[in-house]
PDB file of N, CA and C in Angstrom:
ATOM      1  N   MET A   1       0.830  -1.180   0.000  1.00  0.00           N
ATOM      2  CA  MET A   1       0.000   0.000   0.000  1.00  0.00           C
ATOM      3  C   MET A   1       0.875   1.244   0.000  1.00  0.00           C
ATOM      4  N   THR A   2       0.629   2.140  -0.925  1.00  0.00           N
ATOM      5  CA  THR A   2       1.377   3.390  -0.977  1.00  0.00           C
ATOM      6  C   THR A   2       0.485   4.544  -0.568  1.00  0.00           C
ATOM      7  N   ASP A   3       1.050   5.419   0.238  1.00  0.00           N
ATOM      8  CA  ASP A   3       0.314   6.595   0.662  1.00  0.00           C
ATOM      9  C   ASP A   3       0.384   7.650  -0.430  1.00  0.00           C
ATOM     10  N   LYS A   4      -0.764   8.211  -0.788  1.00  0.00           N
ATOM     11  CA  LYS A   4      -0.791   9.273  -1.778  1.00  0.00           C
ATOM     12  C   LYS A   4      -0.418  10.603  -1.158  1.00  0.00           C
ATOM     13  N   ALA A   5      -0.746  10.790   0.109  1.00  0.00           N
ATOM     14  CA  ALA A   5      -0.463  12.047   0.789  1.00  0.00           C
ATOM     15  C   ALA A   5       1.013  12.096   1.155  1.00  0.00           C
ATOM     16  N   THR A   6       1.723  12.977   0.523  1.00  0.00           N
ATOM     17  CA  THR A   6       3.137  13.156   0.835  1.00  0.00           C
ATOM     18  C   THR A   6       3.406  14.637   1.063  1.00  0.00           C
ATOM     19  N   HIS A   7       4.459  14.885   1.779  1.00  0.00           N
ATOM     20  CA  HIS A   7       4.818  16.276   2.054  1.00  0.00           C
ATOM     21  C   HIS A   7       6.325  16.373   2.177  1.00  0.00           C
ATOM     22  N   VAL A   8       6.888  17.401   1.582  1.00  0.00           N
ATOM     23  CA  VAL A   8       8.302  17.698   1.709  1.00  0.00           C
ATOM     24  C   VAL A   8       8.396  19.022   2.450  1.00  0.00           C
ATOM     25  N   LEU A   9       9.175  19.049   3.513  1.00  0.00           N
ATOM     26  CA  LEU A   9       9.291  20.241   4.345  1.00  0.00           C
ATOM     27  C   LEU A   9       9.775  21.429   3.520  1.00  0.00           C
ATOM     28  N   GLN A  10       9.061  22.542   3.625  1.00  0.00           N
ATOM     29  CA  GLN A  10       9.397  23.754   2.880  1.00  0.00           C
ATOM     30  C   GLN A  10      10.081  24.815   3.742  1.00  0.00           C
ATOM     31  N   ASP A  11       9.864  24.765   5.051  1.00  0.00           N
ATOM     32  CA  ASP A  11      10.404  25.770   5.976  1.00  0.00           C
ATOM     33  C   ASP A  11      11.903  25.548   6.147  1.00  0.00           C
ATOM     34  N   GLN A  12      12.699  26.328   5.427  1.00  0.00           N
ATOM     35  CA  GLN A  12      14.153  26.130   5.418  1.00  0.00           C
ATOM     36  C   GLN A  12      14.768  26.340   6.796  1.00  0.00           C
ATOM     37  N   GLU A  13      14.244  27.277   7.567  1.00  0.00           N
ATOM     38  CA  GLU A  13      14.770  27.516   8.912  1.00  0.00           C
ATOM     39  C   GLU A  13      14.572  26.289   9.800  1.00  0.00           C
ATOM     40  N   GLN A  14      13.380  25.700   9.743  1.00  0.00           N
ATOM     41  CA  GLN A  14      13.113  24.488  10.519  1.00  0.00           C
ATOM     42  C   GLN A  14      13.939  23.316  10.008  1.00  0.00           C
ATOM     43  N   LEU A  15      14.049  23.202   8.706  1.00  0.00           N
ATOM     44  CA  LEU A  15      14.854  22.128   8.115  1.00  0.00           C
ATOM     45  C   LEU A  15      16.297  22.227   8.578  1.00  0.00           C
ATOM     46  N   ASP A  16      16.853  23.440   8.582  1.00  0.00           N
ATOM     47  CA  ASP A  16      18.225  23.637   9.052  1.00  0.00           C
ATOM     48  C   ASP A  16      18.367  23.246  10.523  1.00  0.00           C
ATOM     49  N   ALA A  17      17.388  23.628  11.348  1.00  0.00           N
ATOM     50  CA  ALA A  17      17.431  23.293  12.777  1.00  0.00           C
ATOM     51  C   ALA A  17      17.357  21.779  12.985  1.00  0.00           C
ATOM     52  N   ILE A  18      16.512  21.113  12.211  1.00  0.00           N
ATOM     53  CA  ILE A  18      16.372  19.653  12.315  1.00  0.00           C
ATOM     54  C   ILE A  18      17.670  18.969  11.886  1.00  0.00           C
ATOM     55  N   LEU A  19      18.236  19.429  10.781  1.00  0.00           N
ATOM     56  CA  LEU A  19      19.503  18.861  10.308  1.00  0.00           C
ATOM     57  C   LEU A  19      20.615  19.069  11.331  1.00  0.00           C
ATOM     58  N   LYS A  20      20.671  20.249  11.942  1.00  0.00           N
ATOM     59  CA  LYS A  20      21.684  20.527  12.958  1.00  0.00           C
ATOM     60  C   LYS A  20      21.543  19.562  14.134  1.00  0.00           C
ATOM     61  N   ARG A  21      20.308  19.346  14.576  1.00  0.00           N
ATOM     62  CA  ARG A  21      20.057  18.436  15.704  1.00  0.00           C
ATOM     63  C   ARG A  21      20.456  17.007  15.332  1.00  0.00           C
ATOM     64  N   LEU A  22      20.133  16.580  14.116  1.00  0.00           N
ATOM     65  CA  LEU A  22      20.468  15.218  13.694  1.00  0.00           C
ATOM     66  C   LEU A  22      21.976  15.029  13.531  1.00  0.00           C
ATOM     67  N   LYS A  23      22.655  16.046  13.051  1.00  0.00           N
ATOM     68  CA  LYS A  23      24.113  15.958  12.935  1.00  0.00           C
ATOM     69  C   LYS A  23      24.751  15.863  14.315  1.00  0.00           C
ATOM     70  N   ARG A  24      24.189  16.596  15.277  1.00  0.00           N
ATOM     71  CA  ARG A  24      24.679  16.508  16.654  1.00  0.00           C
ATOM     72  C   ARG A  24      24.451  15.102  17.196  1.00  0.00           C
ATOM     73  N   ALA A  25      23.268  14.545  16.931  1.00  0.00           N
ATOM     74  CA  ALA A  25      22.954  13.189  17.384  1.00  0.00           C
ATOM     75  C   ALA A  25      23.902  12.176  16.737  1.00  0.00           C
ATOM     76  N   HIS A  26      24.223  12.410  15.489  1.00  0.00           N
ATOM     77  CA  HIS A  26      25.164  11.534  14.781  1.00  0.00           C
ATOM     78  C   HIS A  26      26.515  11.533  15.489  1.00  0.00           C
ATOM     79  N   GLY A  27      26.992  12.708  15.865  1.00  0.00           N
ATOM     80  CA  GLY A  27      28.251  12.809  16.599  1.00  0.00           C
ATOM     81  C   GLY A  27      28.165  12.139  17.960  1.00  0.00           C
ATOM     82  N   GLN A  28      27.026  12.320  18.638  1.00  0.00           N
ATOM     83  CA  GLN A  28      26.836  11.689  19.942  1.00  0.00           C
ATOM     84  C   GLN A  28      26.829  10.171  19.811  1.00  0.00           C
ATOM     85  N   MET A  29      26.253   9.667  18.735  1.00  0.00           N
ATOM     86  CA  MET A  29      26.212   8.214  18.528  1.00  0.00           C
ATOM     87  C   MET A  29      27.625   7.673  18.319  1.00  0.00           C
ATOM     88  N   GLY A  30      28.451   8.421  17.599  1.00  0.00           N
ATOM     89  CA  GLY A  30      29.851   8.036  17.444  1.00  0.00           C
ATOM     90  C   GLY A  30      30.556   7.983  18.790  1.00  0.00           C
ATOM     91  N   ALA A  31      30.203   8.926  19.662  1.00  0.00           N
ATOM     92  CA  ALA A  31      30.787   8.939  21.011  1.00  0.00           C
ATOM     93  C   ALA A  31      30.364   7.703  21.795  1.00  0.00           C
ATOM     94  N   VAL A  32      29.123   7.263  21.620  1.00  0.00           N
ATOM     95  CA  VAL A  32      28.645   6.050  22.301  1.00  0.00           C
ATOM     96  C   VAL A  32      29.486   4.848  21.873  1.00  0.00           C
ATOM     97  N   VAL A  33      29.714   4.726  20.589  1.00  0.00           N
ATOM     98  CA  VAL A  33      30.513   3.608  20.075  1.00  0.00           C
ATOM     99  C   VAL A  33      31.924   3.660  20.669  1.00  0.00           C
ATOM    100  N   ARG A  34      32.541   4.844  20.665  1.00  0.00           N
ATOM    101  CA  ARG A  34      33.890   4.976  21.227  1.00  0.00           C
ATOM    102  C   ARG A  34      33.907   4.640  22.714  1.00  0.00           C
ATOM    103  N   MET A  35      32.876   5.104  23.425  1.00  0.00           N
ATOM    104  CA  MET A  35      32.809   4.834  24.865  1.00  0.00           C
ATOM    105  C   MET A  35      32.743   3.333  25.134  1.00  0.00           C
ATOM    106  N   LEU A  36      31.964   2.623  24.347  1.00  0.00           N
ATOM    107  CA  LEU A  36      31.865   1.166  24.510  1.00  0.00           C
ATOM    108  C   LEU A  36      33.195   0.498  24.181  1.00  0.00           C
ATOM    109  N   GLU A  37      33.826   0.947  23.096  1.00  0.00           N
ATOM    110  CA  GLU A  37      35.113   0.374  22.702  1.00  0.00           C
ATOM    111  C   GLU A  37      36.198   0.637  23.749  1.00  0.00           C
ATOM    112  N   GLU A  38      36.089   1.771  24.437  1.00  0.00           N
ATOM    113  CA  GLU A  38      37.074   2.145  25.454  1.00  0.00           C
ATOM    114  C   GLU A  38      36.770   1.544  26.820  1.00  0.00           C
ATOM    115  N   GLY A  39      35.630   0.864  26.942  1.00  0.00           N
ATOM    116  CA  GLY A  39      35.282   0.241  28.208  1.00  0.00           C
ATOM    117  C   GLY A  39      34.771   1.213  29.259  1.00  0.00           C
ATOM    118  N   ARG A  40      34.102   2.259  28.830  1.00  0.00           N
ATOM    119  CA  ARG A  40      33.556   3.235  29.774  1.00  0.00           C
ATOM    120  C   ARG A  40      32.406   2.618  30.565  1.00  0.00           C
ATOM    121  N   SER A  41      32.062   3.264  31.662  1.00  0.00           N
ATOM    122  CA  SER A  41      31.020   2.730  32.541  1.00  0.00           C
ATOM    123  C   SER A  41      29.657   2.718  31.851  1.00  0.00           C
ATOM    124  N   CYS A  42      28.849   1.738  32.261  1.00  0.00           N
ATOM    125  CA  CYS A  42      27.492   1.630  31.703  1.00  0.00           C
ATOM    126  C   CYS A  42      26.705   2.911  31.943  1.00  0.00           C
ATOM    127  N   GLU A  43      26.877   3.512  33.097  1.00  0.00           N
ATOM    128  CA  GLU A  43      26.145   4.746  33.423  1.00  0.00           C
ATOM    129  C   GLU A  43      26.488   5.863  32.437  1.00  0.00           C
ATOM    130  N   ASP A  44      27.774   6.013  32.131  1.00  0.00           N
ATOM    131  CA  ASP A  44      28.192   7.045  31.171  1.00  0.00           C
ATOM    132  C   ASP A  44      27.631   6.769  29.783  1.00  0.00           C
ATOM    133  N   VAL A  45      27.686   5.510  29.376  1.00  0.00           N
ATOM    134  CA  VAL A  45      27.197   5.133  28.044  1.00  0.00           C
ATOM    135  C   VAL A  45      25.684   5.370  27.943  1.00  0.00           C
ATOM    136  N   ILE A  46      24.952   4.951  28.961  1.00  0.00           N
ATOM    137  CA  ILE A  46      23.490   5.128  28.944  1.00  0.00           C
ATOM    138  C   ILE A  46      23.123   6.604  28.928  1.00  0.00           C
ATOM    139  N   THR A  47      23.854   7.417  29.687  1.00  0.00           N
ATOM    140  CA  THR A  47      23.597   8.864  29.688  1.00  0.00           C
ATOM    141  C   THR A  47      23.764   9.430  28.284  1.00  0.00           C
ATOM    142  N   GLN A  48      24.814   9.018  27.605  1.00  0.00           N
ATOM    143  CA  GLN A  48      25.064   9.497  26.238  1.00  0.00           C
ATOM    144  C   GLN A  48      24.003   8.959  25.276  1.00  0.00           C
ATOM    145  N   MET A  49      23.611   7.700  25.444  1.00  0.00           N
ATOM    146  CA  MET A  49      22.569   7.119  24.581  1.00  0.00           C
ATOM    147  C   MET A  49      21.239   7.841  24.786  1.00  0.00           C
ATOM    148  N   SER A  50      20.960   8.236  26.001  1.00  0.00           N
ATOM    149  CA  SER A  50      19.743   8.977  26.295  1.00  0.00           C
ATOM    150  C   SER A  50      19.747  10.318  25.559  1.00  0.00           C
ATOM    151  N   ALA A  51      20.901  10.974  25.516  1.00  0.00           N
ATOM    152  CA  ALA A  51      21.019  12.246  24.802  1.00  0.00           C
ATOM    153  C   ALA A  51      20.781  12.054  23.307  1.00  0.00           C
ATOM    154  N   VAL A  52      21.314  10.966  22.749  1.00  0.00           N
ATOM    155  CA  VAL A  52      21.103  10.656  21.335  1.00  0.00           C
ATOM    156  C   VAL A  52      19.616  10.444  21.061  1.00  0.00           C
ATOM    157  N   SER A  53      18.989   9.646  21.893  1.00  0.00           N
ATOM    158  CA  SER A  53      17.569   9.340  21.729  1.00  0.00           C
ATOM    159  C   SER A  53      16.719  10.601  21.791  1.00  0.00           C
ATOM    160  N   LYS A  54      16.995  11.450  22.760  1.00  0.00           N
ATOM    161  CA  LYS A  54      16.227  12.693  22.903  1.00  0.00           C
ATOM    162  C   LYS A  54      16.416  13.590  21.689  1.00  0.00           C
ATOM    163  N   ALA A  55      17.644  13.702  21.195  1.00  0.00           N
ATOM    164  CA  ALA A  55      17.916  14.550  20.036  1.00  0.00           C
ATOM    165  C   ALA A  55      17.174  14.046  18.802  1.00  0.00           C
ATOM    166  N   ILE A  56      17.166  12.740  18.596  1.00  0.00           N
ATOM    167  CA  ILE A  56      16.486  12.167  17.437  1.00  0.00           C
ATOM    168  C   ILE A  56      14.976  12.348  17.558  1.00  0.00           C
ATOM    169  N   ASN A  57      14.429  12.075  18.734  1.00  0.00           N
ATOM    170  CA  ASN A  57      12.983  12.237  18.922  1.00  0.00           C
ATOM    171  C   ASN A  57      12.559  13.692  18.778  1.00  0.00           C
ATOM    172  N   THR A  58      13.341  14.608  19.303  1.00  0.00           N
ATOM    173  CA  THR A  58      13.016  16.026  19.176  1.00  0.00           C
ATOM    174  C   THR A  58      13.034  16.442  17.711  1.00  0.00           C
ATOM    175  N   ALA A  59      14.007  15.968  16.954  1.00  0.00           N
ATOM    176  CA  ALA A  59      14.068  16.271  15.524  1.00  0.00           C
ATOM    177  C   ALA A  59      12.853  15.701  14.795  1.00  0.00           C
ATOM    178  N   ALA A  60      12.464  14.486  15.146  1.00  0.00           N
ATOM    179  CA  ALA A  60      11.308  13.861  14.504  1.00  0.00           C
ATOM    180  C   ALA A  60      10.025  14.624  14.815  1.00  0.00           C
ATOM    181  N   PHE A  61       9.836  14.998  16.068  1.00  0.00           N
ATOM    182  CA  PHE A  61       8.640  15.765  16.434  1.00  0.00           C
ATOM    183  C   PHE A  61       8.635  17.124  15.748  1.00  0.00           C
ATOM    184  N   ALA A  62       9.789  17.763  15.642  1.00  0.00           N
ATOM    185  CA  ALA A  62       9.875  19.052  14.948  1.00  0.00           C
ATOM    186  C   ALA A  62       9.508  18.891  13.478  1.00  0.00           C
ATOM    187  N   LEU A  63       9.972  17.817  12.868  1.00  0.00           N
ATOM    188  CA  LEU A  63       9.653  17.556  11.463  1.00  0.00           C
ATOM    189  C   LEU A  63       8.158  17.340  11.276  1.00  0.00           C
ATOM    190  N   ILE A  64       7.563  16.533  12.140  1.00  0.00           N
ATOM    191  CA  ILE A  64       6.134  16.255  12.029  1.00  0.00           C
ATOM    192  C   ILE A  64       5.312  17.514  12.292  1.00  0.00           C
ATOM    193  N   SER A  65       5.652  18.249  13.352  1.00  0.00           N
ATOM    194  CA  SER A  65       4.847  19.426  13.685  1.00  0.00           C
ATOM    195  C   SER A  65       4.969  20.518  12.632  1.00  0.00           C
ATOM    196  N   THR A  66       6.154  20.694  12.074  1.00  0.00           N
ATOM    197  CA  THR A  66       6.317  21.685  11.007  1.00  0.00           C
ATOM    198  C   THR A  66       5.567  21.247   9.759  1.00  0.00           C
ATOM    199  N   SER A  67       5.612  19.960   9.457  1.00  0.00           N
ATOM    200  CA  SER A  67       4.860  19.444   8.307  1.00  0.00           C
ATOM    201  C   SER A  67       3.367  19.642   8.517  1.00  0.00           C
ATOM    202  N   LEU A  68       2.919  19.394   9.734  1.00  0.00           N
ATOM    203  CA  LEU A  68       1.503  19.576  10.049  1.00  0.00           C
ATOM    204  C   LEU A  68       1.100  21.025   9.836  1.00  0.00           C
ATOM    205  N   LYS A  69       1.909  21.951  10.319  1.00  0.00           N
ATOM    206  CA  LYS A  69       1.621  23.370  10.147  1.00  0.00           C
ATOM    207  C   LYS A  69       1.543  23.714   8.662  1.00  0.00           C
ATOM    208  N   GLU A  70       2.479  23.228   7.882  1.00  0.00           N
ATOM    209  CA  GLU A  70       2.483  23.520   6.452  1.00  0.00           C
ATOM    210  C   GLU A  70       1.281  22.903   5.754  1.00  0.00           C
ATOM    211  N   CYS A  71       0.868  21.712   6.188  1.00  0.00           N
ATOM    212  CA  CYS A  71      -0.280  21.051   5.561  1.00  0.00           C
ATOM    213  C   CYS A  71      -1.589  21.768   5.894  1.00  0.00           C
ATOM    214  N   ILE A  72      -1.667  22.335   7.092  1.00  0.00           N
ATOM    215  CA  ILE A  72      -2.861  23.093   7.471  1.00  0.00           C
ATOM    216  C   ILE A  72      -2.971  24.346   6.611  1.00  0.00           C
ATOM    217  N   ILE A  73      -1.831  24.970   6.352  1.00  0.00           N
ATOM    218  CA  ILE A  73      -1.809  26.190   5.549  1.00  0.00           C
ATOM    219  C   ILE A  73      -2.091  25.884   4.085  1.00  0.00           C
ATOM    220  N   GLU A  74      -1.694  24.709   3.620  1.00  0.00           N
ATOM    221  CA  GLU A  74      -1.842  24.319   2.212  1.00  0.00           C
ATOM    222  C   GLU A  74      -3.226  23.712   1.986  1.00  0.00           C
ATOM    223  N   PRO A  75      -4.171  24.490   1.450  1.00  0.00           N
ATOM    224  CA  PRO A  75      -5.542  24.005   1.303  1.00  0.00           C
ATOM    225  C   PRO A  75      -5.717  22.905   0.256  1.00  0.00           C
ATOM    226  N   SER A  76      -4.757  22.729  -0.626  1.00  0.00           N
ATOM    227  CA  SER A  76      -4.904  21.719  -1.676  1.00  0.00           C
ATOM    228  C   SER A  76      -4.626  20.301  -1.187  1.00  0.00           C
ATOM    229  N   ALA A  77      -4.066  20.166   0.002  1.00  0.00           N
ATOM    230  CA  ALA A  77      -3.746  18.837   0.543  1.00  0.00           C
ATOM    231  C   ALA A  77      -5.026  18.100   0.926  1.00  0.00           C
ATOM    232  N   ASP A  78      -5.025  16.777   0.730  1.00  0.00           N
ATOM    233  CA  ASP A  78      -6.144  15.935   1.154  1.00  0.00           C
ATOM    234  C   ASP A  78      -6.051  15.837   2.671  1.00  0.00           C
ATOM    235  N   SER A  79      -6.852  16.643   3.357  1.00  0.00           N
ATOM    236  CA  SER A  79      -6.684  16.788   4.801  1.00  0.00           C
ATOM    237  C   SER A  79      -6.942  15.497   5.567  1.00  0.00           C
ATOM    238  N   GLU A  80      -7.926  14.710   5.190  1.00  0.00           N
ATOM    239  CA  GLU A  80      -8.216  13.470   5.922  1.00  0.00           C
ATOM    240  C   GLU A  80      -7.065  12.481   5.773  1.00  0.00           C
ATOM    241  N   GLU A  81      -6.593  12.302   4.568  1.00  0.00           N
ATOM    242  CA  GLU A  81      -5.498  11.371   4.327  1.00  0.00           C
ATOM    243  C   GLU A  81      -4.212  11.854   5.014  1.00  0.00           C
ATOM    244  N   MET A  82      -3.962  13.153   4.936  1.00  0.00           N
ATOM    245  CA  MET A  82      -2.756  13.699   5.564  1.00  0.00           C
ATOM    246  C   MET A  82      -2.853  13.587   7.086  1.00  0.00           C
ATOM    247  N   THR A  83      -4.028  13.799   7.644  1.00  0.00           N
ATOM    248  CA  THR A  83      -4.215  13.655   9.092  1.00  0.00           C
ATOM    249  C   THR A  83      -3.895  12.235   9.527  1.00  0.00           C
ATOM    250  N   MET A  84      -4.386  11.260   8.810  1.00  0.00           N
ATOM    251  CA  MET A  84      -4.118   9.862   9.150  1.00  0.00           C
ATOM    252  C   MET A  84      -2.622   9.555   9.057  1.00  0.00           C
ATOM    253  N   LYS A  85      -1.987  10.066   8.029  1.00  0.00           N
ATOM    254  CA  LYS A  85      -0.564   9.815   7.858  1.00  0.00           C
ATOM    255  C   LYS A  85       0.239  10.442   8.996  1.00  0.00           C
ATOM    256  N   LEU A  86      -0.093  11.685   9.370  1.00  0.00           N
ATOM    257  CA  LEU A  86       0.617  12.343  10.452  1.00  0.00           C
ATOM    258  C   LEU A  86       0.361  11.650  11.784  1.00  0.00           C
ATOM    259  N   GLN A  87      -0.850  11.153  11.990  1.00  0.00           N
ATOM    260  CA  GLN A  87      -1.142  10.395  13.210  1.00  0.00           C
ATOM    261  C   GLN A  87      -0.268   9.148  13.284  1.00  0.00           C
ATOM    262  N   ARG A  88      -0.134   8.450  12.169  1.00  0.00           N
ATOM    263  CA  ARG A  88       0.720   7.255  12.145  1.00  0.00           C
ATOM    264  C   ARG A  88       2.174   7.616  12.465  1.00  0.00           C
ATOM    265  N   LEU A  89       2.622   8.754  11.939  1.00  0.00           N
ATOM    266  CA  LEU A  89       3.995   9.174  12.208  1.00  0.00           C
ATOM    267  C   LEU A  89       4.183   9.485  13.691  1.00  0.00           C
ATOM    268  N   PHE A  90       3.238  10.225  14.279  1.00  0.00           N
ATOM    269  CA  PHE A  90       3.331  10.503  15.711  1.00  0.00           C
ATOM    270  C   PHE A  90       3.352   9.208  16.514  1.00  0.00           C
ATOM    271  N   LEU A  91       2.456   8.282  16.185  1.00  0.00           N
ATOM    272  CA  LEU A  91       2.381   7.025  16.925  1.00  0.00           C
ATOM    273  C   LEU A  91       3.636   6.173  16.763  1.00  0.00           C
ATOM    274  N   SER A  92       4.293   6.296  15.641  1.00  0.00           N
ATOM    275  CA  SER A  92       5.525   5.529  15.427  1.00  0.00           C
ATOM    276  C   SER A  92       6.621   5.955  16.392  1.00  0.00           C
ATOM    277  N   LEU A  93       6.518   7.166  16.935  1.00  0.00           N
ATOM    278  CA  LEU A  93       7.515   7.652  17.895  1.00  0.00           C
ATOM    279  C   LEU A  93       7.149   7.330  19.334  1.00  0.00           C
ATOM    280  N   ALA A  94       5.921   6.858  19.544  1.00  0.00           N
ATOM    281  CA  ALA A  94       5.463   6.580  20.918  1.00  0.00           C
ATOM    282  C   ALA A  94       6.069   5.299  21.456  1.00  0.00           C
TER     283      ALA A  94
END
């Protein structure tokens, strides 16, 4: 099954902020790998993994909420189909 309702983020400022957060998370994930390879404490590793998880989830929520805002403004979008798709995206993060 393919979804017909698609959206590409248009808000360049939000896109830049999301990309910045994801790049930071990417660096943090590299730190997690190094910490494990170096034999760092589980507490330190989990703390860093928690930061990675939060950064990724925050980026995902920002992407969804910005897309939702843009879809509300865009009257040509199939609102029922887009609502269902956005609900599925939100639930995928739960």
